[in-house]
Amino acid sequence: MPRSSAQEELARLRRAYESQKHLLEKLHKIRALFVTAYSSTQPAEKMGLEFMYAVGDVLEGQRVEDLNLRLISREEVLRELSDG
């Protein structure tokens, strides 16, 4: 079995890194949504439903700015994202 060249290996590692980076960005957004929803004083059932729809939208690639949020504060989610 022939060995791959150093350039092919580097390209493979870059693709793997970009894939992981993309996943971590989504998880970071979901965490910000969770922290914001959890600290809300809204009814848990309604908040949970909106949270689950928002998580689905994030997993599909939607930006936080474009999410359809009514109970979860978009501004707080964005603040949580920037605070880390």
N, C-alpha and C. Protein backbone atom coordinates (compact mmCIF):
# COMPACT_ATOMS: atom_id res chain seq x y z
N MET A 1 0.85 -1.18 0.00
CA MET A 1 0.00 0.00 0.00
C MET A 1 0.89 1.24 0.00
N PRO A 2 0.72 2.11 -0.98
CA PRO A 2 1.60 3.28 -1.06
C PRO A 2 1.29 4.30 0.04
N ARG A 3 2.33 4.97 0.46
CA ARG A 3 2.17 6.01 1.48
C ARG A 3 1.66 7.29 0.84
N SER A 4 0.84 8.00 1.59
CA SER A 4 0.37 9.28 1.06
C SER A 4 1.46 10.32 1.23
N SER A 5 1.46 11.27 0.36
CA SER A 5 2.48 12.31 0.43
C SER A 5 2.18 13.23 1.60
N ALA A 6 3.16 14.00 1.97
CA ALA A 6 2.99 14.95 3.07
C ALA A 6 1.91 15.97 2.75
N GLN A 7 1.81 16.37 1.50
CA GLN A 7 0.78 17.35 1.11
C GLN A 7 -0.62 16.76 1.23
N GLU A 8 -0.78 15.49 0.86
CA GLU A 8 -2.08 14.84 0.99
C GLU A 8 -2.48 14.70 2.45
N GLU A 9 -1.51 14.37 3.28
CA GLU A 9 -1.77 14.24 4.71
C GLU A 9 -2.14 15.58 5.32
N LEU A 10 -1.44 16.62 4.92
CA LEU A 10 -1.75 17.97 5.41
C LEU A 10 -3.15 18.39 4.98
N ALA A 11 -3.52 18.09 3.76
CA ALA A 11 -4.86 18.41 3.26
C ALA A 11 -5.92 17.65 4.04
N ARG A 12 -5.66 16.40 4.35
CA ARG A 12 -6.60 15.58 5.13
C ARG A 12 -6.77 16.16 6.53
N LEU A 13 -5.66 16.56 7.15
CA LEU A 13 -5.72 17.14 8.49
C LEU A 13 -6.46 18.47 8.50
N ARG A 14 -6.28 19.27 7.46
CA ARG A 14 -6.99 20.54 7.36
C ARG A 14 -8.50 20.32 7.23
N ARG A 15 -8.90 19.34 6.43
CA ARG A 15 -10.32 19.03 6.29
C ARG A 15 -10.90 18.56 7.63
N ALA A 16 -10.17 17.73 8.32
CA ALA A 16 -10.63 17.24 9.62
C ALA A 16 -10.75 18.39 10.62
N TYR A 17 -9.79 19.29 10.60
CA TYR A 17 -9.82 20.46 11.49
C TYR A 17 -11.03 21.34 11.19
N GLU A 18 -11.28 21.62 9.93
CA GLU A 18 -12.42 22.46 9.55
C GLU A 18 -13.73 21.81 9.95
N SER A 19 -13.82 20.50 9.81
CA SER A 19 -15.02 19.78 10.21
C SER A 19 -15.24 19.89 11.71
N GLN A 20 -14.20 19.71 12.48
CA GLN A 20 -14.31 19.82 13.94
C GLN A 20 -14.63 21.25 14.36
N LYS A 21 -14.02 22.21 13.70
CA LYS A 21 -14.26 23.62 14.01
C LYS A 21 -15.73 23.97 13.77
N HIS A 22 -16.28 23.49 12.67
CA HIS A 22 -17.68 23.74 12.34
C HIS A 22 -18.61 23.15 13.41
N LEU A 23 -18.31 21.94 13.85
CA LEU A 23 -19.10 21.29 14.89
C LEU A 23 -19.00 22.05 16.22
N LEU A 24 -17.81 22.48 16.58
CA LEU A 24 -17.62 23.22 17.82
C LEU A 24 -18.36 24.55 17.81
N GLU A 25 -18.42 25.20 16.66
CA GLU A 25 -19.18 26.46 16.55
C GLU A 25 -20.66 26.20 16.80
N LYS A 26 -21.20 25.12 16.26
CA LYS A 26 -22.60 24.78 16.49
C LYS A 26 -22.86 24.48 17.96
N LEU A 27 -21.97 23.72 18.57
CA LEU A 27 -22.13 23.39 19.99
C LEU A 27 -22.04 24.64 20.86
N HIS A 28 -21.21 25.58 20.50
CA HIS A 28 -21.08 26.83 21.23
C HIS A 28 -22.40 27.62 21.16
N LYS A 29 -23.03 27.63 19.99
CA LYS A 29 -24.32 28.32 19.82
C LYS A 29 -25.40 27.64 20.65
N ILE A 30 -25.41 26.30 20.65
CA ILE A 30 -26.41 25.56 21.42
C ILE A 30 -26.22 25.82 22.91
N ARG A 31 -24.99 25.87 23.36
CA ARG A 31 -24.72 26.17 24.77
C ARG A 31 -25.23 27.56 25.14
N ALA A 32 -25.00 28.55 24.27
CA ALA A 32 -25.48 29.91 24.54
C ALA A 32 -27.00 29.94 24.59
N LEU A 33 -27.66 29.20 23.71
CA LEU A 33 -29.12 29.11 23.75
C LEU A 33 -29.58 28.48 25.06
N PHE A 34 -28.92 27.41 25.48
CA PHE A 34 -29.30 26.72 26.71
C PHE A 34 -29.15 27.62 27.93
N VAL A 35 -28.01 28.28 28.05
CA VAL A 35 -27.76 29.14 29.20
C VAL A 35 -28.80 30.25 29.26
N THR A 36 -29.12 30.82 28.13
CA THR A 36 -30.11 31.89 28.08
C THR A 36 -31.51 31.36 28.41
N ALA A 37 -31.88 30.24 27.84
CA ALA A 37 -33.21 29.67 28.10
C ALA A 37 -33.34 29.23 29.55
N TYR A 38 -32.29 28.63 30.09
CA TYR A 38 -32.31 28.12 31.46
C TYR A 38 -32.47 29.25 32.48
N SER A 39 -31.90 30.39 32.19
CA SER A 39 -31.96 31.50 33.14
C SER A 39 -33.21 32.38 32.96
N SER A 40 -34.08 31.99 32.05
CA SER A 40 -35.28 32.76 31.77
C SER A 40 -36.36 32.51 32.83
N THR A 41 -37.25 33.46 32.97
CA THR A 41 -38.38 33.31 33.90
C THR A 41 -39.65 32.89 33.17
N GLN A 42 -39.55 32.60 31.87
CA GLN A 42 -40.69 32.16 31.08
C GLN A 42 -41.09 30.73 31.49
N PRO A 43 -42.33 30.32 31.18
CA PRO A 43 -42.75 28.94 31.49
C PRO A 43 -41.82 27.91 30.84
N ALA A 44 -41.45 26.92 31.62
CA ALA A 44 -40.46 25.92 31.15
C ALA A 44 -40.93 25.17 29.91
N GLU A 45 -42.22 24.82 29.82
CA GLU A 45 -42.70 24.05 28.69
C GLU A 45 -42.55 24.84 27.39
N LYS A 46 -42.96 26.10 27.41
CA LYS A 46 -42.86 26.93 26.21
C LYS A 46 -41.40 27.21 25.87
N MET A 47 -40.60 27.48 26.89
CA MET A 47 -39.18 27.77 26.68
C MET A 47 -38.48 26.54 26.11
N GLY A 48 -38.80 25.37 26.65
CA GLY A 48 -38.18 24.14 26.17
C GLY A 48 -38.51 23.85 24.72
N LEU A 49 -39.76 24.10 24.34
CA LEU A 49 -40.17 23.88 22.97
C LEU A 49 -39.42 24.81 22.01
N GLU A 50 -39.35 26.08 22.38
CA GLU A 50 -38.62 27.03 21.52
C GLU A 50 -37.14 26.67 21.46
N PHE A 51 -36.58 26.25 22.58
CA PHE A 51 -35.17 25.85 22.62
C PHE A 51 -34.92 24.69 21.66
N MET A 52 -35.79 23.68 21.67
CA MET A 52 -35.58 22.52 20.81
C MET A 52 -35.67 22.90 19.33
N TYR A 53 -36.63 23.76 18.98
CA TYR A 53 -36.71 24.21 17.59
C TYR A 53 -35.46 25.00 17.21
N ALA A 54 -34.97 25.84 18.12
CA ALA A 54 -33.78 26.64 17.84
C ALA A 54 -32.55 25.75 17.67
N VAL A 55 -32.45 24.70 18.49
CA VAL A 55 -31.33 23.76 18.35
C VAL A 55 -31.38 23.09 16.98
N GLY A 56 -32.56 22.69 16.56
CA GLY A 56 -32.69 22.09 15.23
C GLY A 56 -32.25 23.04 14.13
N ASP A 57 -32.65 24.31 14.27
CA ASP A 57 -32.25 25.30 13.26
C ASP A 57 -30.75 25.52 13.26
N VAL A 58 -30.13 25.55 14.44
CA VAL A 58 -28.68 25.71 14.53
C VAL A 58 -27.98 24.51 13.87
N LEU A 59 -28.48 23.31 14.14
CA LEU A 59 -27.87 22.12 13.54
C LEU A 59 -28.02 22.12 12.03
N GLU A 60 -29.06 22.77 11.53
CA GLU A 60 -29.24 22.87 10.08
C GLU A 60 -28.39 23.98 9.47
N GLY A 61 -27.70 24.75 10.32
CA GLY A 61 -26.77 25.76 9.82
C GLY A 61 -27.25 27.20 9.90
N GLN A 62 -28.39 27.43 10.54
CA GLN A 62 -28.88 28.80 10.65
C GLN A 62 -28.04 29.61 11.64
N ARG A 63 -27.87 30.88 11.34
CA ARG A 63 -27.16 31.78 12.24
C ARG A 63 -28.08 32.17 13.39
N VAL A 64 -27.51 32.52 14.53
CA VAL A 64 -28.31 32.93 15.69
C VAL A 64 -29.14 34.17 15.33
N GLU A 65 -28.57 35.06 14.56
CA GLU A 65 -29.27 36.28 14.17
C GLU A 65 -30.54 35.99 13.37
N ASP A 66 -30.60 34.82 12.71
CA ASP A 66 -31.73 34.47 11.86
C ASP A 66 -32.73 33.52 12.52
N LEU A 67 -32.47 33.12 13.76
CA LEU A 67 -33.38 32.19 14.43
C LEU A 67 -34.71 32.86 14.74
N ASN A 68 -35.78 32.08 14.70
CA ASN A 68 -37.11 32.57 15.03
C ASN A 68 -37.30 32.43 16.54
N LEU A 69 -36.89 33.45 17.29
CA LEU A 69 -36.97 33.42 18.76
C LEU A 69 -38.01 34.41 19.24
N ARG A 70 -38.91 33.93 20.09
CA ARG A 70 -39.92 34.80 20.68
C ARG A 70 -39.75 34.90 22.18
N LEU A 71 -39.42 33.77 22.82
CA LEU A 71 -39.27 33.75 24.28
C LEU A 71 -37.81 33.88 24.70
N ILE A 72 -36.93 33.30 23.94
CA ILE A 72 -35.50 33.36 24.24
C ILE A 72 -34.96 34.67 23.68
N SER A 73 -34.27 35.41 24.51
CA SER A 73 -33.73 36.71 24.11
C SER A 73 -32.52 36.54 23.18
N ARG A 74 -32.69 36.97 21.94
CA ARG A 74 -31.60 36.89 20.96
C ARG A 74 -30.39 37.68 21.44
N GLU A 75 -30.64 38.86 22.02
CA GLU A 75 -29.54 39.70 22.50
C GLU A 75 -28.75 39.00 23.59
N GLU A 76 -29.45 38.30 24.48
CA GLU A 76 -28.74 37.57 25.55
C GLU A 76 -27.95 36.39 24.99
N VAL A 77 -28.51 35.73 23.99
CA VAL A 77 -27.80 34.62 23.35
C VAL A 77 -26.52 35.14 22.69
N LEU A 78 -26.63 36.25 21.97
CA LEU A 78 -25.46 36.83 21.32
C LEU A 78 -24.42 37.30 22.34
N ARG A 79 -24.89 37.84 23.44
CA ARG A 79 -23.97 38.25 24.51
C ARG A 79 -23.26 37.05 25.09
N GLU A 80 -24.00 35.98 25.33
CA GLU A 80 -23.41 34.75 25.85
C GLU A 80 -22.38 34.18 24.88
N LEU A 81 -22.68 34.27 23.58
CA LEU A 81 -21.72 33.82 22.58
C LEU A 81 -20.44 34.63 22.62
N SER A 82 -20.57 35.93 22.76
CA SER A 82 -19.37 36.78 22.76
C SER A 82 -18.59 36.67 24.07
N ASP A 83 -19.29 36.38 25.18
CA ASP A 83 -18.61 36.22 26.46
C ASP A 83 -17.91 34.88 26.57
N GLY A 84 -18.41 33.91 25.83
CA GLY A 84 -17.77 32.60 25.80
C GLY A 84 -18.24 31.70 26.84
